[in-house]
Amino acid sequence: MDHIAAVCDALRARVPDSPVVYGGSAGPGLLTRLRGAVDGLFLGRFAHDPAALADVLDEAAP
């Protein structure tokens, strides 16, 4: 997780006006661990599972 956050921070530093969206094996629990490092997740196959999608949406809610 530290490596992903470091890469996202480096991207944000280079292109500060662009959102950072993570898409590698993104699923339930990841947004909480990457909060602050990313602006969003690309869920891919996890979005096919309604329960997993609901979990991620719950994480994203303020």
PDB file of N, CA and C in Angstrom:
ATOM      1  N   MET A   1       0.806  -1.180   0.000  1.00  0.00           N
ATOM      2  CA  MET A   1       0.000   0.000   0.000  1.00  0.00           C
ATOM      3  C   MET A   1       0.862   1.263   0.000  1.00  0.00           C
ATOM      4  N   ASP A   2       1.971   1.231   0.702  1.00  0.00           N
ATOM      5  CA  ASP A   2       2.839   2.407   0.755  1.00  0.00           C
ATOM      6  C   ASP A   2       3.376   2.773  -0.622  1.00  0.00           C
ATOM      7  N   HIS A   3       3.691   1.752  -1.425  1.00  0.00           N
ATOM      8  CA  HIS A   3       4.203   2.001  -2.777  1.00  0.00           C
ATOM      9  C   HIS A   3       3.132   2.672  -3.640  1.00  0.00           C
ATOM     10  N   ILE A   4       1.897   2.184  -3.559  1.00  0.00           N
ATOM     11  CA  ILE A   4       0.804   2.772  -4.336  1.00  0.00           C
ATOM     12  C   ILE A   4       0.600   4.224  -3.933  1.00  0.00           C
ATOM     13  N   ALA A   5       0.558   4.495  -2.637  1.00  0.00           N
ATOM     14  CA  ALA A   5       0.373   5.867  -2.154  1.00  0.00           C
ATOM     15  C   ALA A   5       1.520   6.765  -2.600  1.00  0.00           C
ATOM     16  N   ALA A   6       2.756   6.255  -2.582  1.00  0.00           N
ATOM     17  CA  ALA A   6       3.910   7.054  -2.999  1.00  0.00           C
ATOM     18  C   ALA A   6       3.831   7.399  -4.484  1.00  0.00           C
ATOM     19  N   VAL A   7       3.432   6.441  -5.303  1.00  0.00           N
ATOM     20  CA  VAL A   7       3.294   6.695  -6.740  1.00  0.00           C
ATOM     21  C   VAL A   7       2.178   7.714  -6.984  1.00  0.00           C
ATOM     22  N   CYS A   8       1.068   7.556  -6.297  1.00  0.00           N
ATOM     23  CA  CYS A   8      -0.042   8.508  -6.448  1.00  0.00           C
ATOM     24  C   CYS A   8       0.371   9.907  -6.005  1.00  0.00           C
ATOM     25  N   ASP A   9       1.117  10.008  -4.926  1.00  0.00           N
ATOM     26  CA  ASP A   9       1.616  11.315  -4.471  1.00  0.00           C
ATOM     27  C   ASP A   9       2.552  11.928  -5.506  1.00  0.00           C
ATOM     28  N   ALA A  10       3.404  11.116  -6.124  1.00  0.00           N
ATOM     29  CA  ALA A  10       4.319  11.615  -7.155  1.00  0.00           C
ATOM     30  C   ALA A  10       3.539  12.101  -8.379  1.00  0.00           C
ATOM     31  N   LEU A  11       2.510  11.355  -8.766  1.00  0.00           N
ATOM     32  CA  LEU A  11       1.668  11.787  -9.886  1.00  0.00           C
ATOM     33  C   LEU A  11       0.991  13.117  -9.576  1.00  0.00           C
ATOM     34  N   ARG A  12       0.466  13.224  -8.385  1.00  0.00           N
ATOM     35  CA  ARG A  12      -0.222  14.451  -7.975  1.00  0.00           C
ATOM     36  C   ARG A  12       0.739  15.637  -7.968  1.00  0.00           C
ATOM     37  N   ALA A  13       1.974  15.412  -7.573  1.00  0.00           N
ATOM     38  CA  ALA A  13       2.972  16.483  -7.544  1.00  0.00           C
ATOM     39  C   ALA A  13       3.332  16.946  -8.962  1.00  0.00           C
ATOM     40  N   ARG A  14       3.388  15.996  -9.894  1.00  0.00           N
ATOM     41  CA  ARG A  14       3.755  16.336 -11.283  1.00  0.00           C
ATOM     42  C   ARG A  14       2.620  16.982 -12.046  1.00  0.00           C
ATOM     43  N   VAL A  15       1.400  16.540 -11.773  1.00  0.00           N
ATOM     44  CA  VAL A  15       0.228  17.041 -12.501  1.00  0.00           C
ATOM     45  C   VAL A  15      -0.854  17.389 -11.467  1.00  0.00           C
ATOM     46  N   PRO A  16      -0.679  18.490 -10.753  1.00  0.00           N
ATOM     47  CA  PRO A  16      -1.538  18.786  -9.610  1.00  0.00           C
ATOM     48  C   PRO A  16      -3.015  19.018  -9.937  1.00  0.00           C
ATOM     49  N   ASP A  17      -3.328  19.378 -11.163  1.00  0.00           N
ATOM     50  CA  ASP A  17      -4.723  19.649 -11.510  1.00  0.00           C
ATOM     51  C   ASP A  17      -5.462  18.434 -12.060  1.00  0.00           C
ATOM     52  N   SER A  18      -4.809  17.285 -12.081  1.00  0.00           N
ATOM     53  CA  SER A  18      -5.438  16.068 -12.602  1.00  0.00           C
ATOM     54  C   SER A  18      -5.836  15.141 -11.456  1.00  0.00           C
ATOM     55  N   PRO A  19      -7.034  14.558 -11.538  1.00  0.00           N
ATOM     56  CA  PRO A  19      -7.424  13.588 -10.511  1.00  0.00           C
ATOM     57  C   PRO A  19      -6.612  12.298 -10.654  1.00  0.00           C
ATOM     58  N   VAL A  20      -6.387  11.637  -9.542  1.00  0.00           N
ATOM     59  CA  VAL A  20      -5.674  10.359  -9.538  1.00  0.00           C
ATOM     60  C   VAL A  20      -6.698   9.261  -9.246  1.00  0.00           C
ATOM     61  N   VAL A  21      -6.863   8.360 -10.222  1.00  0.00           N
ATOM     62  CA  VAL A  21      -7.804   7.252 -10.091  1.00  0.00           C
ATOM     63  C   VAL A  21      -7.003   5.954 -10.137  1.00  0.00           C
ATOM     64  N   TYR A  22      -7.149   5.140  -9.104  1.00  0.00           N
ATOM     65  CA  TYR A  22      -6.421   3.873  -9.032  1.00  0.00           C
ATOM     66  C   TYR A  22      -7.306   2.760  -9.586  1.00  0.00           C
ATOM     67  N   GLY A  23      -6.732   1.866 -10.377  1.00  0.00           N
ATOM     68  CA  GLY A  23      -7.525   0.811 -10.971  1.00  0.00           C
ATOM     69  C   GLY A  23      -6.921  -0.573 -10.884  1.00  0.00           C
ATOM     70  N   GLY A  24      -5.853  -0.764 -10.163  1.00  0.00           N
ATOM     71  CA  GLY A  24      -5.248  -2.088 -10.072  1.00  0.00           C
ATOM     72  C   GLY A  24      -5.839  -2.889  -8.933  1.00  0.00           C
ATOM     73  N   SER A  25      -6.630  -3.907  -9.239  1.00  0.00           N
ATOM     74  CA  SER A  25      -7.249  -4.755  -8.213  1.00  0.00           C
ATOM     75  C   SER A  25      -7.986  -3.939  -7.162  1.00  0.00           C
ATOM     76  N   ALA A  26      -8.731  -2.960  -7.622  1.00  0.00           N
ATOM     77  CA  ALA A  26      -9.482  -2.115  -6.691  1.00  0.00           C
ATOM     78  C   ALA A  26     -10.751  -2.837  -6.264  1.00  0.00           C
ATOM     79  N   GLY A  27     -10.975  -2.886  -4.973  1.00  0.00           N
ATOM     80  CA  GLY A  27     -12.168  -3.532  -4.450  1.00  0.00           C
ATOM     81  C   GLY A  27     -12.448  -3.056  -3.041  1.00  0.00           C
ATOM     82  N   PRO A  28     -13.367  -3.709  -2.356  1.00  0.00           N
ATOM     83  CA  PRO A  28     -13.727  -3.311  -1.001  1.00  0.00           C
ATOM     84  C   PRO A  28     -12.515  -3.236  -0.077  1.00  0.00           C
ATOM     85  N   GLY A  29     -12.438  -2.156   0.685  1.00  0.00           N
ATOM     86  CA  GLY A  29     -11.360  -1.950   1.651  1.00  0.00           C
ATOM     87  C   GLY A  29     -10.207  -1.114   1.139  1.00  0.00           C
ATOM     88  N   LEU A  30     -10.041  -1.037  -0.164  1.00  0.00           N
ATOM     89  CA  LEU A  30      -8.884  -0.327  -0.718  1.00  0.00           C
ATOM     90  C   LEU A  30      -9.011   1.189  -0.587  1.00  0.00           C
ATOM     91  N   LEU A  31     -10.193   1.719  -0.833  1.00  0.00           N
ATOM     92  CA  LEU A  31     -10.361   3.170  -0.753  1.00  0.00           C
ATOM     93  C   LEU A  31     -10.032   3.687   0.640  1.00  0.00           C
ATOM     94  N   THR A  32     -10.428   2.957   1.647  1.00  0.00           N
ATOM     95  CA  THR A  32     -10.116   3.349   3.027  1.00  0.00           C
ATOM     96  C   THR A  32      -8.608   3.395   3.245  1.00  0.00           C
ATOM     97  N   ARG A  33      -7.893   2.402   2.705  1.00  0.00           N
ATOM     98  CA  ARG A  33      -6.447   2.353   2.901  1.00  0.00           C
ATOM     99  C   ARG A  33      -5.711   3.403   2.071  1.00  0.00           C
ATOM    100  N   LEU A  34      -6.309   3.832   0.947  1.00  0.00           N
ATOM    101  CA  LEU A  34      -5.646   4.818   0.089  1.00  0.00           C
ATOM    102  C   LEU A  34      -6.228   6.228   0.232  1.00  0.00           C
ATOM    103  N   ARG A  35      -7.113   6.412   1.173  1.00  0.00           N
ATOM    104  CA  ARG A  35      -7.770   7.717   1.334  1.00  0.00           C
ATOM    105  C   ARG A  35      -6.719   8.820   1.432  1.00  0.00           C
ATOM    106  N   GLY A  36      -6.927   9.858   0.646  1.00  0.00           N
ATOM    107  CA  GLY A  36      -5.982  10.968   0.610  1.00  0.00           C
ATOM    108  C   GLY A  36      -4.960  10.836  -0.503  1.00  0.00           C
ATOM    109  N   ALA A  37      -4.636   9.612  -0.893  1.00  0.00           N
ATOM    110  CA  ALA A  37      -3.661   9.409  -1.965  1.00  0.00           C
ATOM    111  C   ALA A  37      -4.338   9.364  -3.330  1.00  0.00           C
ATOM    112  N   VAL A  38      -5.627   8.966  -3.368  1.00  0.00           N
ATOM    113  CA  VAL A  38      -6.343   8.862  -4.638  1.00  0.00           C
ATOM    114  C   VAL A  38      -7.642   9.657  -4.576  1.00  0.00           C
ATOM    115  N   ASP A  39      -8.117  10.009  -5.768  1.00  0.00           N
ATOM    116  CA  ASP A  39      -9.402  10.705  -5.863  1.00  0.00           C
ATOM    117  C   ASP A  39     -10.539   9.745  -6.177  1.00  0.00           C
ATOM    118  N   GLY A  40     -10.200   8.537  -6.585  1.00  0.00           N
ATOM    119  CA  GLY A  40     -11.226   7.563  -6.910  1.00  0.00           C
ATOM    120  C   GLY A  40     -10.634   6.228  -7.293  1.00  0.00           C
ATOM    121  N   LEU A  41     -11.524   5.271  -7.519  1.00  0.00           N
ATOM    122  CA  LEU A  41     -11.131   3.921  -7.890  1.00  0.00           C
ATOM    123  C   LEU A  41     -11.855   3.518  -9.166  1.00  0.00           C
ATOM    124  N   PHE A  42     -11.171   2.761 -10.018  1.00  0.00           N
ATOM    125  CA  PHE A  42     -11.815   2.087 -11.137  1.00  0.00           C
ATOM    126  C   PHE A  42     -12.026   0.656 -10.677  1.00  0.00           C
ATOM    127  N   LEU A  43     -13.280   0.237 -10.558  1.00  0.00           N
ATOM    128  CA  LEU A  43     -13.575  -1.038  -9.911  1.00  0.00           C
ATOM    129  C   LEU A  43     -13.483  -2.253 -10.811  1.00  0.00           C
ATOM    130  N   GLY A  44     -13.659  -2.106 -12.087  1.00  0.00           N
ATOM    131  CA  GLY A  44     -13.589  -3.262 -12.974  1.00  0.00           C
ATOM    132  C   GLY A  44     -14.551  -4.352 -12.556  1.00  0.00           C
ATOM    133  N   ARG A  45     -14.052  -5.582 -12.444  1.00  0.00           N
ATOM    134  CA  ARG A  45     -14.923  -6.732 -12.171  1.00  0.00           C
ATOM    135  C   ARG A  45     -15.596  -6.676 -10.802  1.00  0.00           C
ATOM    136  N   PHE A  46     -15.052  -5.917  -9.856  1.00  0.00           N
ATOM    137  CA  PHE A  46     -15.688  -5.821  -8.538  1.00  0.00           C
ATOM    138  C   PHE A  46     -17.065  -5.171  -8.636  1.00  0.00           C
ATOM    139  N   ALA A  47     -17.274  -4.345  -9.639  1.00  0.00           N
ATOM    140  CA  ALA A  47     -18.568  -3.683  -9.810  1.00  0.00           C
ATOM    141  C   ALA A  47     -19.647  -4.657 -10.279  1.00  0.00           C
ATOM    142  N   HIS A  48     -19.261  -5.860 -10.695  1.00  0.00           N
ATOM    143  CA  HIS A  48     -20.232  -6.863 -11.124  1.00  0.00           C
ATOM    144  C   HIS A  48     -20.899  -7.535  -9.931  1.00  0.00           C
ATOM    145  N   ASP A  49     -20.303  -7.432  -8.774  1.00  0.00           N
ATOM    146  CA  ASP A  49     -20.841  -8.033  -7.553  1.00  0.00           C
ATOM    147  C   ASP A  49     -21.561  -6.944  -6.757  1.00  0.00           C
ATOM    148  N   PRO A  50     -22.898  -6.991  -6.690  1.00  0.00           N
ATOM    149  CA  PRO A  50     -23.635  -5.927  -6.006  1.00  0.00           C
ATOM    150  C   PRO A  50     -23.195  -5.695  -4.560  1.00  0.00           C
ATOM    151  N   ALA A  51     -22.867  -6.754  -3.840  1.00  0.00           N
ATOM    152  CA  ALA A  51     -22.447  -6.592  -2.446  1.00  0.00           C
ATOM    153  C   ALA A  51     -21.098  -5.884  -2.358  1.00  0.00           C
ATOM    154  N   ALA A  52     -20.164  -6.248  -3.233  1.00  0.00           N
ATOM    155  CA  ALA A  52     -18.853  -5.586  -3.234  1.00  0.00           C
ATOM    156  C   ALA A  52     -19.000  -4.128  -3.634  1.00  0.00           C
ATOM    157  N   LEU A  53     -19.831  -3.844  -4.619  1.00  0.00           N
ATOM    158  CA  LEU A  53     -20.070  -2.466  -5.030  1.00  0.00           C
ATOM    159  C   LEU A  53     -20.674  -1.657  -3.884  1.00  0.00           C
ATOM    160  N   ALA A  54     -21.629  -2.241  -3.192  1.00  0.00           N
ATOM    161  CA  ALA A  54     -22.241  -1.553  -2.046  1.00  0.00           C
ATOM    162  C   ALA A  54     -21.199  -1.258  -0.968  1.00  0.00           C
ATOM    163  N   ASP A  55     -20.288  -2.188  -0.725  1.00  0.00           N
ATOM    164  CA  ASP A  55     -19.233  -1.965   0.272  1.00  0.00           C
ATOM    165  C   ASP A  55     -18.344  -0.787  -0.123  1.00  0.00           C
ATOM    166  N   VAL A  56     -17.966  -0.723  -1.392  1.00  0.00           N
ATOM    167  CA  VAL A  56     -17.111   0.377  -1.856  1.00  0.00           C
ATOM    168  C   VAL A  56     -17.862   1.697  -1.782  1.00  0.00           C
ATOM    169  N   LEU A  57     -19.127   1.702  -2.158  1.00  0.00           N
ATOM    170  CA  LEU A  57     -19.917   2.939  -2.069  1.00  0.00           C
ATOM    171  C   LEU A  57     -20.043   3.406  -0.625  1.00  0.00           C
ATOM    172  N   ASP A  58     -20.193   2.473   0.303  1.00  0.00           N
ATOM    173  CA  ASP A  58     -20.243   2.833   1.725  1.00  0.00           C
ATOM    174  C   ASP A  58     -18.926   3.472   2.164  1.00  0.00           C
ATOM    175  N   GLU A  59     -17.813   2.953   1.669  1.00  0.00           N
ATOM    176  CA  GLU A  59     -16.503   3.531   1.993  1.00  0.00           C
ATOM    177  C   GLU A  59     -16.378   4.958   1.462  1.00  0.00           C
ATOM    178  N   ALA A  60     -16.924   5.183   0.270  1.00  0.00           N
ATOM    179  CA  ALA A  60     -16.778   6.482  -0.385  1.00  0.00           C
ATOM    180  C   ALA A  60     -17.666   7.551   0.247  1.00  0.00           C
ATOM    181  N   ALA A  61     -18.717   7.144   0.938  1.00  0.00           N
ATOM    182  CA  ALA A  61     -19.626   8.107   1.566  1.00  0.00           C
ATOM    183  C   ALA A  61     -18.900   8.830   2.692  1.00  0.00           C
ATOM    184  N   PRO A  62     -19.112  10.130   2.780  1.00  0.00           N
ATOM    185  CA  PRO A  62     -18.429  10.895   3.858  1.00  0.00           C
ATOM    186  C   PRO A  62     -18.852  10.502   5.245  1.00  0.00           C
TER     187      PRO A  62
END
